[in-house]
Amino acid sequence: MNYKQEYERWLRSDALSPAERAELESIAGDEKEIENRFYGPLEFGTAGLRGTMKVGLHQMNIHVIRWATQGFANVIAAEGEAAKKKGVAICMDCRNNNMLFSHAAAEVCAGNGIHVRIFESLRPTPELSFAVRYYGCQAGINVTASHNPKEYNGYKVYWSDGAQLPPQHADAIAAQLEKIDIFTGVKRMDFEEAVQAGLIEIMGEETDRAFMKEVMAMVNDRESMSKVADTFKVVYTPFHGCGWKLVPEALRGLGVKHLYCVEQQMVLDGNFPTVASPNPENPEGFYLAIELADKVGADFILGTDPDSDRVGIMVRDHTGKFVAVTGNQTGVLLLDYLIGALRRAGKMPEKPVFLKSIVTTNMARTVAEANGVTCCDTFTGFKFMAEKKAELESSGQGEVILSYEESYGYMMGDYVRDKDAVTASLIITEMAGWYAAQGMTLYDALQALYVKYGWYGEKTHNLVMPGVDGLEKMASLMKHLRQTPPADIAGVAVTVRKDYADGTATDCATGVSSPMELQGSNVLRYELADGTTILVRPSGTEPKIKIYILTRGKDAAERDANLVKYSAWVETLVG
């Protein structure tokens, strides 16, 4: 069936509401829009689904939610009656339609005889991961588009370990979806009927308390915060999202006396009215927080994204101006601090391990190894970090003290298996308090780390390619780079070329290829003669190719010049 036929089928379907039908009728004659909405279903991957909220097969809407949940229910049911009884935990963030979508997912699970535990209202993503583990659920569903703009929504799925689905289960769901008719192949049970029948159970404050007990147990140093509590001031924004309650609770529990929340952004609103994008990676979103910090005299700003799995910070530089601390920089600060804090508290494991993604700064490895901590690389995605953590700890090879990615995600402790901005906000604030007790800001601390470990620098470029044409462009660029690999980049020779798809590393001088430990991901890596690394990978959640520049200079000036030079090369790929 082509996209025009699929469009007509949706128009004829009795499943559509009058408003949905009117929306489809409004695009009649717009061939490009019809094709973009109906050329195929959203691809179900290890990150689940993510797309814009419109009516259509390639969009996020209640019909796609029900269809995806039916596929997931089939995979759960295949595990047997015990798996259905263990059931599914369901969570949602603040986005528009999320109560509708989460209830729709619950109704499909119940219609398939699967027990459901659903939160009464929005909750942070890490609490969903916690709930799956705490209640011994077979799986989890989280209705969220994380940090994407307001037009987006998403559907993340988790397995019994509390991590997002491993590839084999994601593939199994995708295979099921090919067999299920989106309108006639879905089993449902009315939400209230399912509650009365005991198939749907509501979670609330009791789960919050259990989660926060684990979070607060992660504190390493209350004494330092108590020393500076009278003068230490923190500004926090949840960007209209799920962090609004638990993050302030955690910081106050640490002993922060002067916590100032950005009131305009404490309002739960899926339209994100005060920001263009609710993403702590974008410094411009912090303008209200900076205004408040300047007003109250704060030196430290925290911001969490709508589902509270990512956290970004801003600090004052030596001129007094607020500057963004990148995810890479925050992770390096956190790693270095944790190593010291755990040792001071007598909590450092015998065989400490640090996990990072392949696109995360090389500086993190330097910090870890300089301090006797084993560093392991994984593919991008915390499901891979969860998998590696389980492998290392179950075999006695080591205990993970921190896992992080450059994209502002951090995981600590044993109670979650995903990015956790609640715990990360707590420990980052503890770190800022510890440095304050030493008479230092986090900006001072970062500069000291550069002096100690080297002048590393990183920059991520996003080549956005939306629509069906975009997918073709993304595939074409990756194919071109594989078929015609660059001998040099910005005039600097490529010494080693790595393709994580087939797991081969090629010595460019000899042409000899050798196998790598990691394989099975569409990522290209170029290691250059000056020590710079450049990686290219299509995003798993958005229509864009991400290019990562990881470099190092003899000083800040050389580092910054390298970033400019290699960024210019990236621009040549756009055309």
Protein backbone atom coordinates (compact mmCIF):
# COMPACT_ATOMS: atom_id res chain seq x y z
CA MET A 1 0.00 0.00 0.00
CA ASN A 2 1.46 3.38 -1.03
CA TYR A 3 1.19 6.56 1.01
CA LYS A 4 -1.85 7.85 -0.94
CA GLN A 5 -3.76 4.62 -0.31
CA GLU A 6 -2.81 4.68 3.37
CA TYR A 7 -4.04 8.27 3.62
CA GLU A 8 -7.37 7.31 2.09
CA ARG A 9 -7.66 4.31 4.43
CA TRP A 10 -7.23 6.56 7.44
CA LEU A 11 -9.80 9.00 6.09
CA ARG A 12 -12.33 6.18 5.77
CA SER A 13 -11.64 4.65 9.18
CA ASP A 14 -14.36 4.78 11.84
CA ALA A 15 -11.57 4.90 14.46
CA LEU A 16 -10.89 8.55 13.72
CA SER A 17 -12.60 11.29 15.68
CA PRO A 18 -14.26 14.17 13.80
CA ALA A 19 -11.33 16.41 14.73
CA GLU A 20 -8.78 13.88 13.43
CA ARG A 21 -10.69 13.45 10.18
CA ALA A 22 -10.90 17.22 9.75
CA GLU A 23 -7.14 17.47 10.22
CA LEU A 24 -6.54 14.94 7.46
CA GLU A 25 -9.07 16.60 5.18
CA SER A 26 -7.23 19.90 5.66
CA ILE A 27 -4.10 18.50 3.94
CA ALA A 28 -5.95 17.13 0.89
CA GLY A 29 -3.98 18.13 -2.20
CA ASP A 30 -0.75 18.70 -0.25
CA GLU A 31 1.16 15.75 -1.69
CA LYS A 32 4.35 16.44 0.25
CA GLU A 33 2.59 16.60 3.60
CA ILE A 34 0.57 13.47 2.86
CA GLU A 35 3.73 11.61 1.87
CA ASN A 36 5.57 12.75 5.02
CA ARG A 37 2.71 11.53 7.21
CA PHE A 38 1.99 8.22 5.46
CA TYR A 39 5.07 6.99 3.58
CA GLY A 40 5.62 4.43 6.31
CA PRO A 41 5.25 3.82 10.04
CA LEU A 42 7.56 5.36 12.61
CA GLU A 43 10.51 3.03 13.00
CA PHE A 44 10.42 1.15 16.29
CA GLY A 45 13.95 0.98 17.70
CA THR A 46 15.70 0.52 21.03
CA ALA A 47 14.61 4.07 21.96
CA GLY A 48 10.99 3.22 21.05
CA LEU A 49 9.19 5.83 18.96
CA ARG A 50 9.50 9.59 18.59
CA GLY A 51 7.78 11.99 16.20
CA THR A 52 5.59 15.04 15.84
CA MET A 53 2.03 14.96 17.17
CA LYS A 54 -0.14 14.80 14.07
CA VAL A 55 -2.67 12.39 12.61
CA GLY A 56 -0.89 9.87 10.41
CA LEU A 57 1.03 6.61 10.32
CA HIS A 58 4.45 8.30 10.60
CA GLN A 59 3.38 10.55 13.49
CA MET A 60 2.68 10.36 17.20
CA ASN A 61 -1.02 9.98 17.96
CA ILE A 62 -3.34 7.74 19.96
CA HIS A 63 -3.65 5.18 17.15
CA VAL A 64 0.12 4.77 16.87
CA ILE A 65 0.37 4.53 20.69
CA ARG A 66 -2.24 1.74 20.78
CA TRP A 67 -0.61 -0.08 17.87
CA ALA A 68 2.86 0.09 19.43
CA THR A 69 1.51 -1.09 22.77
CA GLN A 70 -0.21 -4.06 21.15
CA GLY A 71 3.11 -5.10 19.62
CA PHE A 72 4.81 -4.70 23.00
CA ALA A 73 2.00 -6.63 24.72
CA ASN A 74 2.50 -9.53 22.30
CA VAL A 75 6.21 -9.67 23.19
CA ILE A 76 5.43 -9.60 26.92
CA ALA A 77 2.73 -12.27 26.57
CA ALA A 78 5.22 -14.50 24.74
CA GLU A 79 7.21 -14.61 28.00
CA GLY A 80 4.31 -16.45 29.66
CA GLU A 81 1.63 -15.84 32.28
CA ALA A 82 4.17 -14.95 34.95
CA ALA A 83 5.38 -12.04 32.82
CA LYS A 84 1.82 -10.79 32.32
CA LYS A 85 1.28 -10.93 36.10
CA LYS A 86 4.51 -9.02 36.80
CA GLY A 87 3.09 -6.48 34.43
CA VAL A 88 4.08 -3.08 33.14
CA ALA A 89 4.85 0.22 34.87
CA ILE A 90 3.67 3.30 32.94
CA CYS A 91 4.84 6.89 33.30
CA MET A 92 4.37 10.16 31.45
CA ASP A 93 5.90 13.63 31.37
CA CYS A 94 4.27 17.05 30.96
CA ARG A 95 3.71 16.99 27.20
CA ASN A 96 0.38 17.68 25.58
CA ASN A 97 -1.80 14.56 25.25
CA ASN A 98 0.37 12.55 27.65
CA MET A 99 -2.40 11.57 30.05
CA LEU A 100 -4.47 10.48 27.04
CA PHE A 101 -1.56 8.52 25.53
CA SER A 102 -0.48 6.86 28.79
CA HIS A 103 -4.05 5.79 29.57
CA ALA A 104 -4.37 4.44 26.01
CA ALA A 105 -1.25 2.32 26.57
CA ALA A 106 -2.66 1.09 29.89
CA GLU A 107 -5.97 0.11 28.25
CA VAL A 108 -4.19 -1.97 25.61
CA CYS A 109 -2.04 -3.74 28.22
CA ALA A 110 -5.14 -4.48 30.29
CA GLY A 111 -7.00 -5.68 27.18
CA ASN A 112 -4.22 -8.23 26.76
CA GLY A 113 -4.47 -9.42 30.36
CA ILE A 114 -1.27 -7.64 31.45
CA HIS A 115 -1.22 -6.05 34.91
CA VAL A 116 -0.48 -2.31 34.87
CA ARG A 117 1.01 0.05 37.46
CA ILE A 118 0.51 3.60 36.21
CA PHE A 119 1.52 6.85 37.88
CA GLU A 120 -1.34 9.12 38.86
CA SER A 121 0.36 12.05 37.13
CA LEU A 122 3.65 13.04 35.52
CA ARG A 123 6.89 11.68 36.99
CA PRO A 124 10.61 11.85 36.11
CA THR A 125 11.95 9.20 33.75
CA PRO A 126 14.38 7.79 36.36
CA GLU A 127 11.42 7.09 38.67
CA LEU A 128 9.88 4.93 35.93
CA SER A 129 13.12 2.94 35.69
CA PHE A 130 13.12 2.68 39.49
CA ALA A 131 9.48 1.52 39.59
CA VAL A 132 10.14 -1.30 37.11
CA ARG A 133 12.95 -2.59 39.34
CA TYR A 134 11.27 -1.85 42.69
CA TYR A 135 7.99 -3.60 41.88
CA GLY A 136 9.57 -6.39 39.88
CA CYS A 137 7.71 -5.52 36.68
CA GLN A 138 8.35 -7.31 33.42
CA ALA A 139 8.47 -4.07 31.47
CA GLY A 140 7.88 -0.33 31.45
CA ILE A 141 6.40 2.33 29.16
CA ASN A 142 7.22 6.03 29.32
CA VAL A 143 5.29 8.54 27.23
CA THR A 144 7.85 11.28 26.67
CA ALA A 145 9.81 13.07 23.97
CA SER A 146 12.47 14.04 26.49
CA HIS A 147 14.07 17.37 25.49
CA ASN A 148 12.49 17.73 22.03
CA PRO A 149 10.37 20.78 21.10
CA LYS A 150 6.68 20.97 21.98
CA GLU A 151 5.49 19.49 18.67
CA TYR A 152 7.07 16.13 19.54
CA ASN A 153 6.04 13.19 21.61
CA GLY A 154 7.59 9.80 22.19
CA TYR A 155 7.11 6.30 23.49
CA LYS A 156 10.00 4.71 25.38
CA VAL A 157 9.90 1.07 26.42
CA TYR A 158 11.80 -0.69 29.19
CA TRP A 159 12.52 -4.29 30.18
CA SER A 160 12.66 -5.98 33.57
CA ASP A 161 16.10 -4.59 34.48
CA GLY A 162 14.73 -1.04 34.31
CA ALA A 163 16.74 -0.19 31.20
CA GLN A 164 15.40 0.68 27.78
CA LEU A 165 14.89 -2.33 25.54
CA PRO A 166 17.86 -4.25 24.24
CA PRO A 167 18.01 -4.60 20.43
CA GLN A 168 16.62 -8.16 20.35
CA HIS A 169 13.40 -7.14 22.13
CA ALA A 170 13.03 -3.99 20.04
CA ASP A 171 13.40 -6.14 16.91
CA ALA A 172 10.76 -8.53 18.27
CA ILE A 173 8.29 -5.66 18.74
CA ALA A 174 9.03 -4.31 15.27
CA ALA A 175 8.34 -7.77 13.83
CA GLN A 176 5.01 -7.89 15.68
CA LEU A 177 3.98 -4.47 14.40
CA GLU A 178 4.32 -5.63 10.81
CA LYS A 179 1.54 -8.15 11.50
CA ILE A 180 -0.86 -5.87 13.40
CA ASP A 181 -3.47 -3.70 11.71
CA ILE A 182 -3.37 -0.32 13.40
CA PHE A 183 -7.16 -0.04 13.59
CA THR A 184 -8.51 -3.60 13.84
CA GLY A 185 -5.63 -5.52 15.42
CA VAL A 186 -5.59 -3.86 18.84
CA LYS A 187 -7.17 -5.28 22.04
CA ARG A 188 -8.40 -2.74 24.59
CA MET A 189 -10.16 -2.61 27.95
CA ASP A 190 -11.80 0.53 29.32
CA PHE A 191 -9.50 2.24 31.84
CA GLU A 192 -11.98 2.47 34.72
CA GLU A 193 -13.22 -1.08 34.13
CA ALA A 194 -9.62 -2.29 34.27
CA VAL A 195 -9.07 -0.41 37.55
CA GLN A 196 -12.19 -2.04 39.02
CA ALA A 197 -11.00 -5.44 37.81
CA GLY A 198 -7.60 -4.96 39.45
CA LEU A 199 -5.72 -5.00 36.15
CA ILE A 200 -4.71 -1.34 36.50
CA GLU A 201 -3.16 -0.08 39.74
CA ILE A 202 -2.41 3.60 40.42
CA MET A 203 1.01 4.64 41.78
CA GLY A 204 1.55 7.82 43.75
CA GLU A 205 3.44 9.23 46.72
CA GLU A 206 4.38 5.81 48.11
CA THR A 207 6.57 5.24 45.04
CA ASP A 208 7.99 8.76 45.29
CA ARG A 209 9.06 8.09 48.90
CA ALA A 210 10.73 4.80 48.00
CA PHE A 211 12.56 6.43 45.08
CA MET A 212 13.70 9.46 47.07
CA LYS A 213 14.99 7.25 49.88
CA GLU A 214 17.42 5.73 47.36
CA VAL A 215 18.31 9.12 45.89
CA MET A 216 19.17 10.67 49.25
CA ALA A 217 21.29 7.65 50.20
CA MET A 218 23.68 8.75 47.42
CA VAL A 219 24.87 11.80 49.40
CA ASN A 220 28.58 11.62 50.20
CA ASP A 221 29.26 14.89 52.00
CA ARG A 222 26.67 16.85 53.99
CA GLU A 223 29.33 18.55 56.10
CA SER A 224 30.69 20.71 53.29
CA MET A 225 27.21 21.95 52.41
CA SER A 226 26.53 22.80 56.05
CA LYS A 227 29.72 24.91 56.11
CA VAL A 228 28.56 27.10 53.20
CA ALA A 229 24.77 26.81 53.53
CA ASP A 230 24.31 30.37 54.78
CA THR A 231 25.90 31.87 51.66
CA PHE A 232 25.55 29.17 48.97
CA LYS A 233 22.70 30.05 46.58
CA VAL A 234 21.21 27.80 43.89
CA VAL A 235 18.79 28.69 41.09
CA TYR A 236 16.78 25.84 39.58
CA THR A 237 14.47 25.48 36.59
CA PRO A 238 12.58 22.35 35.46
CA PHE A 239 11.71 23.95 32.10
CA HIS A 240 7.99 23.35 32.81
CA GLY A 241 8.62 19.64 33.39
CA CYS A 242 8.82 16.72 35.78
CA GLY A 243 11.70 17.89 37.95
CA TRP A 244 9.57 20.58 39.58
CA LYS A 245 8.87 18.59 42.77
CA LEU A 246 11.58 16.00 43.41
CA VAL A 247 14.68 17.99 42.43
CA PRO A 248 13.95 20.82 44.92
CA GLU A 249 13.10 18.18 47.53
CA ALA A 250 16.48 16.51 46.98
CA LEU A 251 18.42 19.79 47.18
CA ARG A 252 16.68 20.87 50.37
CA GLY A 253 17.33 17.41 51.80
CA LEU A 254 21.04 17.95 51.08
CA GLY A 255 20.94 21.11 53.19
CA VAL A 256 20.59 23.86 50.59
CA LYS A 257 19.02 26.77 52.46
CA HIS A 258 18.87 29.28 49.63
CA LEU A 259 17.11 27.56 46.72
CA TYR A 260 15.43 29.84 44.17
CA CYS A 261 13.15 28.22 41.60
CA VAL A 262 12.26 30.02 38.37
CA GLU A 263 8.55 30.46 39.07
CA GLN A 264 7.54 31.03 35.41
CA GLN A 265 9.09 27.65 34.53
CA MET A 266 7.75 25.77 37.54
CA VAL A 267 4.39 25.81 35.76
CA LEU A 268 3.72 22.40 34.17
CA ASP A 269 2.99 23.13 30.53
CA GLY A 270 3.57 21.00 27.45
CA ASN A 271 3.69 24.12 25.28
CA PHE A 272 6.87 25.25 27.07
CA PRO A 273 5.76 28.89 26.76
CA THR A 274 8.96 30.51 28.06
CA VAL A 275 11.51 28.67 25.88
CA ALA A 276 11.95 27.87 22.20
CA SER A 277 13.22 24.42 23.19
CA PRO A 278 13.10 22.87 26.69
CA ASN A 279 16.60 21.47 26.36
CA PRO A 280 19.30 22.22 28.95
CA GLU A 281 21.87 21.73 26.18
CA ASN A 282 20.71 25.10 24.78
CA PRO A 283 22.12 27.93 26.94
CA GLU A 284 19.58 30.45 25.63
CA GLY A 285 16.82 28.61 27.54
CA PHE A 286 18.41 29.70 30.82
CA TYR A 287 17.73 33.44 30.37
CA LEU A 288 15.09 33.56 33.11
CA ALA A 289 17.32 31.57 35.44
CA ILE A 290 20.20 33.99 34.79
CA GLU A 291 17.94 36.97 35.52
CA LEU A 292 16.93 35.39 38.83
CA ALA A 293 20.52 34.39 39.69
CA ASP A 294 21.72 37.94 39.09
CA LYS A 295 18.89 39.28 41.22
CA VAL A 296 19.59 37.03 44.23
CA GLY A 297 23.36 36.82 43.83
CA ALA A 298 23.59 33.10 43.01
CA ASP A 299 26.67 31.55 41.42
CA PHE A 300 25.16 28.22 40.41
CA ILE A 301 22.22 27.34 38.11
CA LEU A 302 20.63 23.94 37.49
CA GLY A 303 18.15 23.05 34.74
CA THR A 304 16.45 19.73 33.99
CA ASP A 305 14.63 18.76 30.81
CA PRO A 306 10.87 17.96 30.67
CA ASP A 307 11.18 14.29 31.69
CA SER A 308 14.02 15.05 34.12
CA ASP A 309 16.57 12.64 32.75
CA ARG A 310 19.04 15.34 31.59
CA VAL A 311 20.55 18.14 33.64
CA GLY A 312 22.51 21.20 32.55
CA ILE A 313 24.36 23.76 34.68
CA MET A 314 25.60 27.32 34.35
CA VAL A 315 28.26 29.01 36.47
CA ARG A 316 29.93 32.41 36.61
CA ASP A 317 33.29 32.77 34.86
CA HIS A 318 36.13 34.96 36.12
CA THR A 319 34.39 38.07 34.73
CA GLY A 320 31.17 37.32 36.61
CA LYS A 321 29.27 36.33 33.46
CA PHE A 322 27.21 33.13 33.45
CA VAL A 323 28.56 30.50 31.06
CA ALA A 324 27.20 27.09 30.17
CA VAL A 325 29.07 24.01 31.36
CA THR A 326 28.72 21.32 28.71
CA GLY A 327 27.63 17.76 29.36
CA ASN A 328 31.19 16.59 28.76
CA GLN A 329 32.60 19.15 31.18
CA THR A 330 30.01 18.43 33.86
CA GLY A 331 30.72 14.72 33.54
CA VAL A 332 34.47 15.22 33.93
CA LEU A 333 33.92 17.45 36.98
CA LEU A 334 31.53 14.89 38.45
CA LEU A 335 33.85 11.96 37.81
CA ASP A 336 36.85 13.67 39.37
CA TYR A 337 34.75 14.81 42.36
CA LEU A 338 33.14 11.41 42.92
CA ILE A 339 36.49 9.64 42.99
CA GLY A 340 37.63 11.96 45.76
CA ALA A 341 34.31 12.03 47.63
CA LEU A 342 33.89 8.25 47.66
CA ARG A 343 37.42 7.82 48.97
CA ARG A 344 36.96 10.48 51.66
CA ALA A 345 33.69 8.81 52.72
CA GLY A 346 35.21 5.31 52.68
CA LYS A 347 32.70 4.24 50.02
CA MET A 348 35.00 3.59 47.05
CA PRO A 349 34.57 0.01 45.79
CA GLU A 350 37.57 -2.28 45.51
CA LYS A 351 37.38 -2.35 41.70
CA PRO A 352 35.84 0.97 40.60
CA VAL A 353 34.67 1.31 37.00
CA PHE A 354 33.53 4.30 34.98
CA LEU A 355 31.37 3.94 31.85
CA LYS A 356 31.17 6.41 28.97
CA SER A 357 29.81 6.38 25.45
CA ILE A 358 32.11 6.29 22.43
CA VAL A 359 31.23 9.93 21.63
CA THR A 360 32.03 11.23 25.11
CA THR A 361 35.20 13.29 25.70
CA ASN A 362 38.52 11.50 25.84
CA MET A 363 39.30 13.63 28.89
CA ALA A 364 37.01 11.42 30.97
CA ARG A 365 39.19 8.38 30.27
CA THR A 366 42.29 10.36 31.24
CA VAL A 367 40.70 11.39 34.57
CA ALA A 368 39.57 7.84 35.34
CA GLU A 369 42.83 6.09 34.51
CA ALA A 370 44.95 8.72 36.27
CA ASN A 371 43.02 7.89 39.44
CA GLY A 372 43.08 4.12 39.19
CA VAL A 373 39.53 3.75 37.86
CA THR A 374 38.85 1.40 34.95
CA CYS A 375 37.17 3.13 31.97
CA CYS A 376 34.95 1.23 29.55
CA ASP A 377 33.33 2.52 26.35
CA THR A 378 29.81 1.64 25.22
CA PHE A 379 27.59 2.62 22.33
CA THR A 380 25.41 5.71 22.77
CA GLY A 381 22.37 4.92 24.92
CA PHE A 382 22.03 4.07 28.59
CA LYS A 383 20.62 0.63 27.75
CA PHE A 384 24.14 -0.27 26.65
CA MET A 385 25.60 1.19 29.84
CA ALA A 386 23.06 -0.78 31.88
CA GLU A 387 24.02 -3.93 30.00
CA LYS A 388 27.75 -3.30 30.59
CA LYS A 389 27.15 -2.52 34.27
CA ALA A 390 25.28 -5.81 34.73
CA GLU A 391 28.02 -7.73 32.90
CA LEU A 392 30.86 -6.24 34.97
CA GLU A 393 29.16 -6.48 38.34
CA SER A 394 27.70 -9.96 37.92
CA SER A 395 31.11 -11.33 36.90
CA GLY A 396 32.97 -9.58 39.72
CA GLN A 397 35.06 -7.52 37.31
CA GLY A 398 34.19 -4.24 38.96
CA GLU A 399 31.56 -1.89 40.38
CA VAL A 400 30.39 1.10 38.37
CA ILE A 401 30.62 4.44 40.20
CA LEU A 402 29.37 6.63 37.34
CA SER A 403 28.05 6.33 33.80
CA TYR A 404 27.62 9.34 31.57
CA GLU A 405 27.12 10.61 28.02
CA GLU A 406 28.03 13.94 26.53
CA SER A 407 24.33 14.69 26.01
CA TYR A 408 23.82 15.76 29.66
CA GLY A 409 22.87 12.31 30.97
CA TYR A 410 24.33 10.77 34.15
CA MET A 411 23.59 7.52 36.02
CA MET A 412 24.68 6.59 39.54
CA GLY A 413 23.61 4.04 42.12
CA ASP A 414 21.90 0.70 41.65
CA TYR A 415 18.23 1.67 41.65
CA VAL A 416 17.88 3.07 38.12
CA ARG A 417 19.11 1.95 34.72
CA ASP A 418 18.64 5.18 32.76
CA LYS A 419 19.69 8.82 32.78
CA ASP A 420 18.76 10.30 36.15
CA ALA A 421 18.62 14.07 36.51
CA VAL A 422 17.18 13.87 40.04
CA THR A 423 20.20 12.07 41.48
CA ALA A 424 22.62 13.94 39.20
CA SER A 425 21.21 17.33 40.31
CA LEU A 426 21.74 16.28 43.93
CA ILE A 427 25.35 15.15 43.51
CA ILE A 428 26.32 18.03 41.20
CA THR A 429 24.99 20.43 43.85
CA GLU A 430 26.90 18.51 46.54
CA MET A 431 30.00 18.93 44.36
CA ALA A 432 29.40 22.67 43.95
CA GLY A 433 29.01 22.98 47.74
CA TRP A 434 32.24 21.07 48.35
CA TYR A 435 34.17 23.36 46.02
CA ALA A 436 32.52 26.41 47.61
CA ALA A 437 33.87 25.19 50.96
CA GLN A 438 37.33 25.24 49.33
CA GLY A 439 36.76 28.80 48.15
CA MET A 440 36.24 27.72 44.52
CA THR A 441 33.42 27.86 41.99
CA LEU A 442 32.79 25.06 39.51
CA TYR A 443 34.34 27.30 36.85
CA ASP A 444 37.52 27.46 38.94
CA ALA A 445 37.39 23.69 39.37
CA LEU A 446 37.03 23.10 35.62
CA GLN A 447 40.04 25.28 34.80
CA ALA A 448 42.06 23.41 37.41
CA LEU A 449 41.13 20.09 35.77
CA TYR A 450 42.34 21.37 32.39
CA VAL A 451 45.67 22.34 33.94
CA LYS A 452 45.93 18.95 35.64
CA TYR A 453 44.71 16.62 32.89
CA GLY A 454 45.11 18.51 29.61
CA TRP A 455 43.29 21.07 27.46
CA TYR A 456 40.57 18.92 25.95
CA GLY A 457 37.72 20.35 23.87
CA GLU A 458 34.57 19.03 22.26
CA LYS A 459 31.90 20.26 19.88
CA THR A 460 28.82 18.51 18.50
CA HIS A 461 27.28 19.49 15.16
CA ASN A 462 23.75 18.52 14.18
CA LEU A 463 22.98 18.14 10.47
CA VAL A 464 19.16 18.26 10.50
CA MET A 465 17.45 16.35 7.67
CA PRO A 466 13.67 16.15 8.18
CA GLY A 467 11.05 14.22 6.17
CA VAL A 468 11.35 11.29 3.79
CA ASP A 469 13.99 13.19 1.78
CA GLY A 470 15.96 13.64 4.98
CA LEU A 471 16.16 9.92 5.63
CA GLU A 472 17.50 9.43 2.12
CA LYS A 473 20.06 12.21 2.62
CA MET A 474 21.21 10.71 5.92
CA ALA A 475 21.65 7.27 4.34
CA SER A 476 23.41 8.82 1.34
CA LEU A 477 25.93 10.71 3.49
CA MET A 478 26.81 7.63 5.55
CA LYS A 479 27.16 5.56 2.35
CA HIS A 480 29.41 8.21 0.77
CA LEU A 481 31.69 8.34 3.81
CA ARG A 482 32.03 4.57 3.76
CA GLN A 483 32.64 4.28 0.03
CA THR A 484 34.95 7.32 -0.19
CA PRO A 485 36.59 7.65 3.23
CA PRO A 486 38.58 10.88 3.75
CA ALA A 487 42.36 10.51 3.72
CA ASP A 488 42.62 13.73 5.69
CA ILE A 489 40.28 16.09 7.51
CA ALA A 490 41.02 19.81 7.44
CA GLY A 491 44.48 18.97 6.15
CA VAL A 492 45.33 16.56 9.00
CA ALA A 493 45.90 12.91 8.08
CA VAL A 494 43.44 10.25 9.19
CA THR A 495 45.58 7.55 10.84
CA VAL A 496 42.86 5.07 11.90
CA ARG A 497 39.36 4.65 10.50
CA LYS A 498 36.77 2.72 12.54
CA ASP A 499 33.38 1.47 11.39
CA TYR A 500 31.25 0.30 14.30
CA ALA A 501 28.67 -1.19 11.94
CA ASP A 502 30.90 -4.18 11.12
CA GLY A 503 33.32 -3.63 14.02
CA THR A 504 36.48 -3.05 11.97
CA ALA A 505 39.41 -0.71 12.60
CA THR A 506 41.55 0.12 9.56
CA ASP A 507 45.14 1.38 9.72
CA CYS A 508 45.14 4.01 6.99
CA ALA A 509 48.90 3.72 6.36
CA THR A 510 48.85 -0.03 5.73
CA GLY A 511 45.21 -0.66 4.83
CA VAL A 512 45.14 -3.52 7.35
CA SER A 513 41.83 -4.01 9.16
CA SER A 514 41.36 -5.63 12.57
CA PRO A 515 38.24 -6.45 14.65
CA MET A 516 37.02 -4.23 17.50
CA GLU A 517 35.23 -5.21 20.69
CA LEU A 518 32.20 -3.06 19.82
CA GLN A 519 30.16 -3.66 16.67
CA GLY A 520 26.62 -3.34 15.40
CA SER A 521 26.02 0.43 15.40
CA ASN A 522 25.90 2.85 12.45
CA VAL A 523 28.84 5.01 13.60
CA LEU A 524 32.03 6.07 11.82
CA ARG A 525 35.14 7.19 13.72
CA TYR A 526 38.24 8.96 12.38
CA GLU A 527 41.39 9.22 14.50
CA LEU A 528 43.73 11.95 13.25
CA ALA A 529 47.47 12.48 13.39
CA ASP A 530 47.15 15.34 15.91
CA GLY A 531 45.19 13.23 18.41
CA THR A 532 41.77 14.56 17.37
CA THR A 533 38.84 12.14 17.02
CA ILE A 534 35.81 12.81 14.82
CA LEU A 535 32.71 10.61 14.95
CA VAL A 536 29.68 10.58 12.64
CA ARG A 537 26.37 8.91 13.60
CA PRO A 538 22.69 9.28 12.65
CA SER A 539 20.56 10.15 15.68
CA GLY A 540 18.38 7.34 16.98
CA THR A 541 15.57 9.70 18.02
CA GLU A 542 15.64 12.70 15.66
CA PRO A 543 16.03 13.29 11.89
CA LYS A 544 19.65 14.40 11.98
CA ILE A 545 23.23 13.24 11.70
CA LYS A 546 25.41 14.12 14.67
CA ILE A 547 29.10 14.86 14.21
CA TYR A 548 31.33 14.93 17.27
CA ILE A 549 34.71 16.67 17.39
CA LEU A 550 36.92 15.50 20.27
CA THR A 551 40.27 17.30 20.37
CA ARG A 552 43.11 18.44 22.61
CA GLY A 553 45.61 21.29 22.49
CA LYS A 554 48.78 22.28 24.33
CA ASP A 555 46.73 25.16 25.76
CA ALA A 556 43.26 26.71 25.53
CA ALA A 557 44.09 28.69 22.39
CA GLU A 558 45.26 25.65 20.42
CA ARG A 559 42.28 23.64 21.61
CA ASP A 560 39.83 26.34 20.49
CA ALA A 561 41.60 26.75 17.14
CA ASN A 562 41.26 23.00 16.52
CA LEU A 563 37.52 23.18 17.17
CA VAL A 564 37.15 26.03 14.67
CA LYS A 565 39.25 24.22 12.05
CA TYR A 566 37.38 20.94 12.26
CA SER A 567 33.98 22.64 12.47
CA ALA A 568 34.74 24.25 9.11
CA TRP A 569 35.24 20.76 7.65
CA VAL A 570 31.86 19.66 9.03
CA GLU A 571 30.22 22.51 7.13
CA THR A 572 31.49 21.01 3.86
CA LEU A 573 29.29 17.96 4.48
CA VAL A 574 26.06 19.95 4.50
CA GLY A 575 25.91 20.43 0.76
